[in-house]
Amino acid sequence: MIGHSKQEMVQKMLEQQIVSGVMKKGSRLPSMRLLAEQYDCSTIVIVKAMRALEKKGLVRTRERSGSMVADATLPALKHFALYTDIRQSSMDRYYDDLLDMAGENHYLAAPIFANGAESLKTLLATSPQRIAIDLGADQHDYREIEEIVQEFDPVFVNRFEWHDQELPARGVLIDYEGTYAAALKYLQKQGHKRIVFVGHRQDPLPFKLRYLQAAAESNGVKFLSPEFDYCWHLDYDVNPERFQRLFFGKERPTAIFGASDILVFRVANLLESLAPAYRELVRIGCHDEVWSRIPGFEFSTWHFDFRDVFRRAMEQNRPKLEWSRPVFVKRQRQNIRY
C-alpha cells in the first residue's frame, strides 16, 4: 500500500477525534505548537492539516482566536486508544496500518506518544472503548502502567518486554523470539558457521538476551560464542575493540542479521567501506523497511504485519493472548554500479 504523508496522518487522526466526539462541538483546539508536540511533527504540518479540515467544514479558524470544532459533525465512532513509544518516523507502515484498520473496523484511532504517567491518564480520560499498549521495557515501569490501566482491560500489542513479568492475559504480540530462531536456522542451512546479530543496545537488554539465547539453543549453538555473537550498531565508534574482534579477527563472520533493517544496512555498508570483501556478507533485517529495498543494496528481511496485529486487537471479544508471526521476504542484491 502507498503510505500516508505525515500531513494526511495528522489530518486523519484529528478528523477521527472530531467525528467521534472526543473533541466536542464548539470546543477550542489546542495551539498549533501543542498539536505539533502531540503528533511529533512540525507546525507547518499542523497548519496544512487544519486548512484541509476547514475545507471539509469540520473546524473553523479565526485570526487571534485559534481553531474551533465546527457545530456540524458526522455520527460518532468507537474509540480505540493506542499508547506507544514508537514515533511516526521510526517504523514504516505502523501508523498507516493503525489508521487503515480503525477505518475498516469503525473505530476512531487515537494514538498518543508515551510521555509519562500523566499522558496515559490524559488518554484514559477520553473513555476509550479499548486501549492498546505498545511500550519498551527499558523506559517504562510495568507496575505503574498496570496500576493506571487495570480497570480498562488493556490489550498489549506488538511487544511485551518486561522479562520479570508473566505474559499478559490479553494481547496480540509479534513472535520476535521465533523470528530470531528462524533467521538463525535459515543462515545455518545456507552453510554459515559464524553469524553476528546487530542490536540497538551496547549489550542486549534482559528480554532480548532471553530471545537470543533461546534462538541459539534451539539451533544447537551458544549465544555470545564464535558461532553466534553480538554487535552493537555503534561498536565501530564506541567499542572498537569488540568491532575489531568480531569482524577483523582470524575467522570473519559470513552473515549478519539484526533487530531492524536500518541497523543491518548501516553495519553492512560500513563493513563494505572498510573491507570490499564484505560485499559478499549475507544479511537479514527485520520490519521490511525502505533500507532493505534500496536498489543495489537489497537484502532479505522479515515482514511484520501490523494490519493483522491492530485488526485482531480491535476484534477481540474476550481476553486472550494471540501471536502474529512475521513472514520472511527473500531478496537478492542487484548488481548496480553507482
Protein backbone atom coordinates (compact mmCIF):
# COMPACT_ATOMS: atom_id res chain seq x y z
CA MET A 1 0.00 0.00 0.00
CA ILE A 2 1.07 3.60 -0.51
CA GLY A 3 1.80 5.23 2.85
CA HIS A 4 0.06 8.33 4.11
CA SER A 5 2.07 11.55 4.30
CA LYS A 6 2.57 12.97 7.77
CA GLN A 7 0.02 15.70 7.00
CA GLU A 8 -2.56 13.12 5.91
CA MET A 9 -1.95 11.04 9.03
CA VAL A 10 -2.32 14.03 11.37
CA GLN A 11 -5.40 15.23 9.47
CA LYS A 12 -6.99 11.78 9.67
CA MET A 13 -6.33 11.46 13.41
CA LEU A 14 -7.74 14.92 14.14
CA GLU A 15 -10.74 14.23 11.92
CA GLN A 16 -11.49 10.98 13.75
CA GLN A 17 -11.33 12.75 17.11
CA ILE A 18 -13.79 15.38 15.86
CA VAL A 19 -16.14 12.86 14.27
CA SER A 20 -16.10 10.63 17.37
CA GLY A 21 -16.99 13.46 19.70
CA VAL A 22 -13.74 13.30 21.65
CA MET A 23 -13.30 16.90 20.54
CA LYS A 24 -16.65 18.49 21.40
CA LYS A 25 -18.62 20.73 19.05
CA GLY A 26 -17.64 24.34 19.55
CA SER A 27 -14.57 23.47 21.66
CA ARG A 28 -11.29 25.22 21.08
CA LEU A 29 -8.45 23.09 19.69
CA PRO A 30 -5.00 23.17 21.32
CA SER A 31 -2.48 25.60 19.90
CA MET A 32 -0.51 24.72 16.77
CA ARG A 33 2.61 24.31 18.90
CA LEU A 34 0.94 21.88 21.32
CA LEU A 35 -0.59 19.87 18.48
CA ALA A 36 2.82 19.65 16.79
CA GLU A 37 4.33 18.27 20.02
CA GLN A 38 1.46 15.81 20.49
CA TYR A 39 1.74 14.42 16.96
CA ASP A 40 5.55 14.62 16.75
CA CYS A 41 5.60 16.86 13.67
CA SER A 42 6.23 20.45 12.58
CA THR A 43 3.74 23.29 12.97
CA ILE A 44 3.67 23.54 9.15
CA VAL A 45 2.14 20.04 9.03
CA ILE A 46 -0.49 21.10 11.58
CA VAL A 47 -1.34 24.26 9.62
CA LYS A 48 -1.85 22.27 6.41
CA ALA A 49 -3.97 19.68 8.24
CA MET A 50 -6.14 22.45 9.74
CA ARG A 51 -6.69 24.02 6.33
CA ALA A 52 -7.84 20.68 4.94
CA LEU A 53 -10.21 20.15 7.91
CA GLU A 54 -11.58 23.65 7.47
CA LYS A 55 -12.37 22.94 3.82
CA LYS A 56 -14.31 19.86 4.97
CA GLY A 57 -16.30 22.00 7.37
CA LEU A 58 -15.01 20.28 10.49
CA VAL A 59 -13.12 23.20 12.04
CA ARG A 60 -13.35 26.97 11.98
CA THR A 61 -10.18 29.05 12.20
CA ARG A 62 -10.27 32.70 13.16
CA GLU A 63 -7.39 35.13 13.48
CA ARG A 64 -6.30 35.64 17.10
CA SER A 65 -8.91 33.21 18.47
CA GLY A 66 -7.41 30.00 17.02
CA SER A 67 -9.26 26.94 15.71
CA MET A 68 -12.55 25.51 16.97
CA VAL A 69 -14.55 22.39 16.20
CA ALA A 70 -17.47 23.22 13.91
CA ASP A 71 -21.01 22.53 15.12
CA ALA A 72 -21.96 20.08 12.33
CA THR A 73 -20.22 16.70 12.67
CA LEU A 74 -20.78 13.14 11.47
CA PRO A 75 -22.01 10.18 13.58
CA ALA A 76 -19.74 9.03 16.41
CA LEU A 77 -17.25 6.16 16.13
CA LYS A 78 -15.92 3.76 18.75
CA HIS A 79 -12.72 4.92 20.38
CA PHE A 80 -9.53 2.82 20.06
CA ALA A 81 -6.66 4.36 22.04
CA LEU A 82 -3.02 3.41 21.42
CA TYR A 83 -0.37 4.32 23.99
CA THR A 84 3.02 3.81 22.36
CA ASP A 85 6.63 4.99 22.34
CA ILE A 86 7.07 4.29 18.61
CA ARG A 87 7.50 7.57 16.73
CA GLN A 88 5.82 8.14 13.39
CA SER A 89 9.20 8.43 11.66
CA SER A 90 10.79 5.30 13.13
CA MET A 91 8.78 2.41 11.66
CA ASP A 92 7.30 2.04 8.17
CA ARG A 93 3.53 1.46 7.97
CA TYR A 94 2.91 1.29 11.73
CA TYR A 95 0.59 4.31 11.92
CA ASP A 96 -0.72 3.81 8.38
CA ASP A 97 -1.86 0.31 9.34
CA LEU A 98 -3.40 1.54 12.59
CA LEU A 99 -5.48 4.16 10.77
CA ASP A 100 -6.48 1.77 7.98
CA MET A 101 -7.67 -0.90 10.43
CA ALA A 102 -9.51 1.67 12.52
CA GLY A 103 -11.40 2.81 9.43
CA GLU A 104 -12.29 -0.75 8.42
CA ASN A 105 -13.48 -1.63 11.94
CA HIS A 106 -15.41 1.62 12.54
CA TYR A 107 -13.07 2.85 15.25
CA LEU A 108 -11.59 6.24 16.00
CA ALA A 109 -7.84 5.62 16.33
CA ALA A 110 -6.27 7.89 18.94
CA PRO A 111 -2.54 7.18 19.21
CA ILE A 112 -0.68 9.07 21.93
CA PHE A 113 3.09 9.11 22.24
CA ALA A 114 4.08 7.83 25.68
CA ASN A 115 5.44 10.65 27.81
CA GLY A 116 4.99 9.60 31.42
CA ALA A 117 2.06 8.64 33.62
CA GLU A 118 0.18 11.89 33.10
CA SER A 119 -0.02 11.39 29.32
CA LEU A 120 -1.53 7.94 29.91
CA LYS A 121 -4.05 9.33 32.39
CA THR A 122 -4.99 12.03 29.88
CA LEU A 123 -5.62 9.36 27.25
CA LEU A 124 -7.80 7.33 29.61
CA ALA A 125 -9.82 10.43 30.49
CA THR A 126 -11.28 10.26 26.94
CA SER A 127 -13.01 6.98 27.98
CA PRO A 128 -11.85 4.75 25.10
CA GLN A 129 -13.78 1.55 24.35
CA ARG A 130 -10.42 -0.18 24.03
CA ILE A 131 -6.86 0.75 24.90
CA ALA A 132 -3.79 -0.86 23.35
CA ILE A 133 -0.29 -0.59 24.83
CA ASP A 134 2.96 -0.90 22.89
CA LEU A 135 5.96 0.10 25.00
CA GLY A 136 9.62 -0.73 25.51
CA ALA A 137 10.50 -2.10 28.94
CA ASP A 138 13.69 -0.09 29.29
CA GLN A 139 11.89 3.24 29.78
CA HIS A 140 8.50 2.28 31.21
CA ASP A 141 7.60 0.79 34.60
CA TYR A 142 5.13 -2.04 34.13
CA ARG A 143 3.74 -1.83 37.67
CA GLU A 144 2.96 1.85 37.26
CA ILE A 145 1.23 1.23 33.92
CA GLU A 146 -0.72 -1.73 35.31
CA GLU A 147 -1.97 0.32 38.25
CA ILE A 148 -3.23 3.10 35.96
CA VAL A 149 -4.93 0.94 33.29
CA GLN A 150 -6.16 -2.07 35.29
CA GLU A 151 -9.82 -1.01 35.09
CA PHE A 152 -9.66 -0.66 31.30
CA ASP A 153 -8.68 -4.26 30.41
CA PRO A 154 -5.85 -3.17 28.06
CA VAL A 155 -4.62 -5.22 25.11
CA PHE A 156 -0.84 -5.34 24.67
CA VAL A 157 0.23 -5.18 21.04
CA ASN A 158 3.48 -5.86 19.19
CA ARG A 159 5.76 -6.20 22.25
CA PHE A 160 5.79 -7.28 25.88
CA GLU A 161 9.37 -6.78 27.01
CA TRP A 162 9.17 -6.91 30.82
CA HIS A 163 11.22 -10.03 31.46
CA ASP A 164 10.27 -10.21 35.16
CA GLN A 165 6.51 -10.30 34.44
CA GLU A 166 4.24 -13.05 33.21
CA LEU A 167 2.85 -12.62 29.72
CA PRO A 168 -0.39 -10.62 29.66
CA ALA A 169 -3.79 -12.29 29.65
CA ARG A 170 -4.81 -10.10 26.72
CA GLY A 171 -2.60 -9.23 23.79
CA VAL A 172 -1.64 -9.57 20.14
CA LEU A 173 2.13 -9.93 20.20
CA ILE A 174 4.68 -10.43 17.46
CA ASP A 175 6.81 -13.55 17.86
CA TYR A 176 10.26 -11.95 17.99
CA GLU A 177 11.89 -14.96 19.64
CA GLY A 178 10.61 -17.28 16.93
CA THR A 179 11.70 -14.83 14.24
CA TYR A 180 15.28 -14.73 15.52
CA ALA A 181 15.36 -18.53 15.78
CA ALA A 182 14.06 -18.87 12.20
CA ALA A 183 16.63 -16.38 10.87
CA LEU A 184 19.46 -18.22 12.58
CA LYS A 185 18.20 -21.57 11.27
CA TYR A 186 17.95 -20.22 7.72
CA LEU A 187 21.53 -18.93 7.79
CA GLN A 188 22.86 -22.17 9.25
CA LYS A 189 21.14 -24.13 6.48
CA GLN A 190 22.90 -21.86 3.97
CA GLY A 191 26.20 -23.07 5.44
CA HIS A 192 27.12 -20.05 7.60
CA LYS A 193 29.13 -21.01 10.67
CA ARG A 194 29.94 -17.54 12.04
CA ILE A 195 26.90 -15.28 12.42
CA VAL A 196 26.53 -11.93 14.19
CA PHE A 197 23.34 -10.33 15.50
CA VAL A 198 23.20 -6.50 15.25
CA GLY A 199 21.30 -4.82 18.09
CA HIS A 200 20.11 -1.42 19.28
CA ARG A 201 21.96 -1.51 22.62
CA GLN A 202 25.58 -1.86 23.66
CA ASP A 203 24.54 -5.12 25.34
CA PRO A 204 21.20 -6.90 24.92
CA LEU A 205 18.51 -5.96 27.42
CA PRO A 206 17.25 -8.91 29.53
CA PHE A 207 14.25 -9.67 27.31
CA LYS A 208 16.37 -9.53 24.13
CA LEU A 209 19.07 -11.67 25.76
CA ARG A 210 16.42 -14.29 26.53
CA TYR A 211 15.19 -14.27 22.91
CA LEU A 212 18.70 -14.67 21.51
CA GLN A 213 19.72 -17.37 23.98
CA ALA A 214 16.56 -19.33 23.16
CA ALA A 215 17.19 -18.90 19.41
CA ALA A 216 20.74 -20.15 19.83
CA GLU A 217 19.72 -23.13 21.97
CA SER A 218 17.02 -24.20 19.51
CA ASN A 219 19.67 -24.24 16.75
CA GLY A 220 22.37 -26.09 18.67
CA VAL A 221 24.77 -23.20 19.35
CA LYS A 222 25.55 -20.87 22.22
CA PHE A 223 24.86 -17.16 22.13
CA LEU A 224 27.95 -14.93 22.55
CA SER A 225 30.16 -17.59 21.00
CA PRO A 226 32.18 -17.59 17.75
CA GLU A 227 29.23 -19.32 16.06
CA PHE A 228 26.66 -16.71 17.13
CA ASP A 229 27.84 -13.38 18.55
CA TYR A 230 26.51 -9.89 19.21
CA CYS A 231 27.37 -6.46 17.81
CA TRP A 232 26.03 -3.04 18.77
CA HIS A 233 25.41 -0.96 15.66
CA LEU A 234 27.66 1.78 17.14
CA ASP A 235 30.55 -0.53 18.09
CA TYR A 236 32.85 0.89 15.41
CA ASP A 237 32.82 4.28 17.16
CA VAL A 238 32.14 3.37 20.78
CA ASN A 239 33.53 -0.14 21.23
CA PRO A 240 36.22 -0.54 18.54
CA GLU A 241 37.86 -3.48 20.35
CA ARG A 242 34.74 -5.61 20.03
CA PHE A 243 34.18 -4.45 16.45
CA GLN A 244 37.76 -5.43 15.54
CA ARG A 245 37.45 -8.80 17.26
CA LEU A 246 34.14 -9.63 15.58
CA PHE A 247 34.82 -8.53 12.03
CA PHE A 248 38.58 -8.43 11.55
CA GLY A 249 39.83 -11.42 13.51
CA LYS A 250 41.36 -14.56 12.08
CA GLU A 251 37.96 -16.02 11.13
CA ARG A 252 35.40 -13.49 9.97
CA PRO A 253 31.60 -13.78 10.03
CA THR A 254 29.87 -14.54 6.76
CA ALA A 255 26.37 -13.41 7.77
CA ILE A 256 24.61 -10.88 9.98
CA PHE A 257 21.01 -10.36 10.98
CA GLY A 258 19.51 -7.76 13.23
CA ALA A 259 16.69 -6.09 15.12
CA SER A 260 15.81 -3.75 12.25
CA ASP A 261 16.63 -3.12 8.61
CA ILE A 262 18.37 0.17 9.28
CA LEU A 263 20.83 -1.39 11.75
CA VAL A 264 21.77 -4.14 9.29
CA PHE A 265 22.07 -1.60 6.45
CA ARG A 266 24.38 0.66 8.46
CA VAL A 267 26.72 -2.04 9.71
CA ALA A 268 26.88 -3.92 6.38
CA ASN A 269 27.71 -0.79 4.41
CA LEU A 270 30.29 0.31 6.96
CA LEU A 271 31.97 -3.10 6.65
CA GLU A 272 31.98 -2.86 2.86
CA SER A 273 33.68 0.53 3.05
CA LEU A 274 36.36 -0.92 5.34
CA ALA A 275 36.86 -4.22 3.50
CA PRO A 276 35.40 -4.73 -0.01
CA ALA A 277 35.29 -8.49 0.61
CA TYR A 278 32.36 -7.85 2.92
CA ARG A 279 30.22 -7.15 -0.12
CA GLU A 280 29.58 -10.91 -0.03
CA LEU A 281 28.30 -10.69 3.56
CA VAL A 282 24.81 -12.21 3.76
CA ARG A 283 22.38 -10.03 5.68
CA ILE A 284 18.83 -10.36 7.05
CA GLY A 285 16.86 -7.49 8.53
CA CYS A 286 13.62 -7.01 10.42
CA HIS A 287 10.46 -4.96 9.73
CA ASP A 288 10.72 -4.85 5.90
CA GLU A 289 11.59 -1.14 5.79
CA VAL A 290 12.92 1.01 2.96
CA TRP A 291 16.52 0.21 3.98
CA SER A 292 16.24 -3.37 2.71
CA ARG A 293 14.79 -2.26 -0.63
CA ILE A 294 17.35 0.29 -1.84
CA PRO A 295 18.38 -0.70 -5.42
CA GLY A 296 21.85 -2.19 -5.37
CA PHE A 297 21.77 -2.74 -1.60
CA GLU A 298 18.77 -5.08 -1.21
CA PHE A 299 18.74 -7.78 1.44
CA SER A 300 16.23 -10.26 2.87
CA THR A 301 14.11 -9.27 5.84
CA TRP A 302 11.04 -10.14 7.91
CA HIS A 303 7.69 -8.51 7.20
CA PHE A 304 5.74 -7.60 10.35
CA ASP A 305 2.00 -7.44 9.66
CA PHE A 306 0.77 -4.59 11.85
CA ARG A 307 -2.55 -4.57 10.00
CA ASP A 308 -3.12 -8.07 11.37
CA VAL A 309 -1.98 -7.02 14.87
CA PHE A 310 -4.28 -4.00 15.09
CA ARG A 311 -7.21 -5.79 13.43
CA ARG A 312 -7.09 -8.61 15.96
CA ALA A 313 -6.66 -6.17 18.84
CA MET A 314 -9.83 -4.35 17.74
CA GLU A 315 -11.82 -7.54 17.15
CA GLN A 316 -11.02 -9.37 20.41
CA ASN A 317 -14.30 -10.08 22.24
CA ARG A 318 -12.69 -11.66 25.29
CA PRO A 319 -9.25 -11.63 26.91
CA LYS A 320 -6.80 -13.95 25.16
CA LEU A 321 -3.15 -13.90 24.11
CA GLU A 322 -2.57 -14.20 20.37
CA TRP A 323 0.63 -14.28 18.33
CA SER A 324 1.41 -12.75 14.96
CA ARG A 325 4.26 -14.43 13.12
CA PRO A 326 6.30 -12.39 10.61
CA VAL A 327 6.79 -13.56 7.03
CA PHE A 328 10.25 -13.98 5.53
CA VAL A 329 10.82 -11.75 2.49
CA LYS A 330 13.71 -13.07 0.40
CA ARG A 331 15.56 -10.50 -1.70
CA GLN A 332 18.60 -10.72 -3.91
CA ARG A 333 21.00 -7.85 -4.29
CA GLN A 334 21.04 -6.27 -7.71
CA ASN A 335 24.38 -5.69 -9.37
CA ILE A 336 24.11 -1.91 -9.82
CA ARG A 337 27.12 0.38 -10.16
CA TYR A 338 26.86 3.95 -8.93
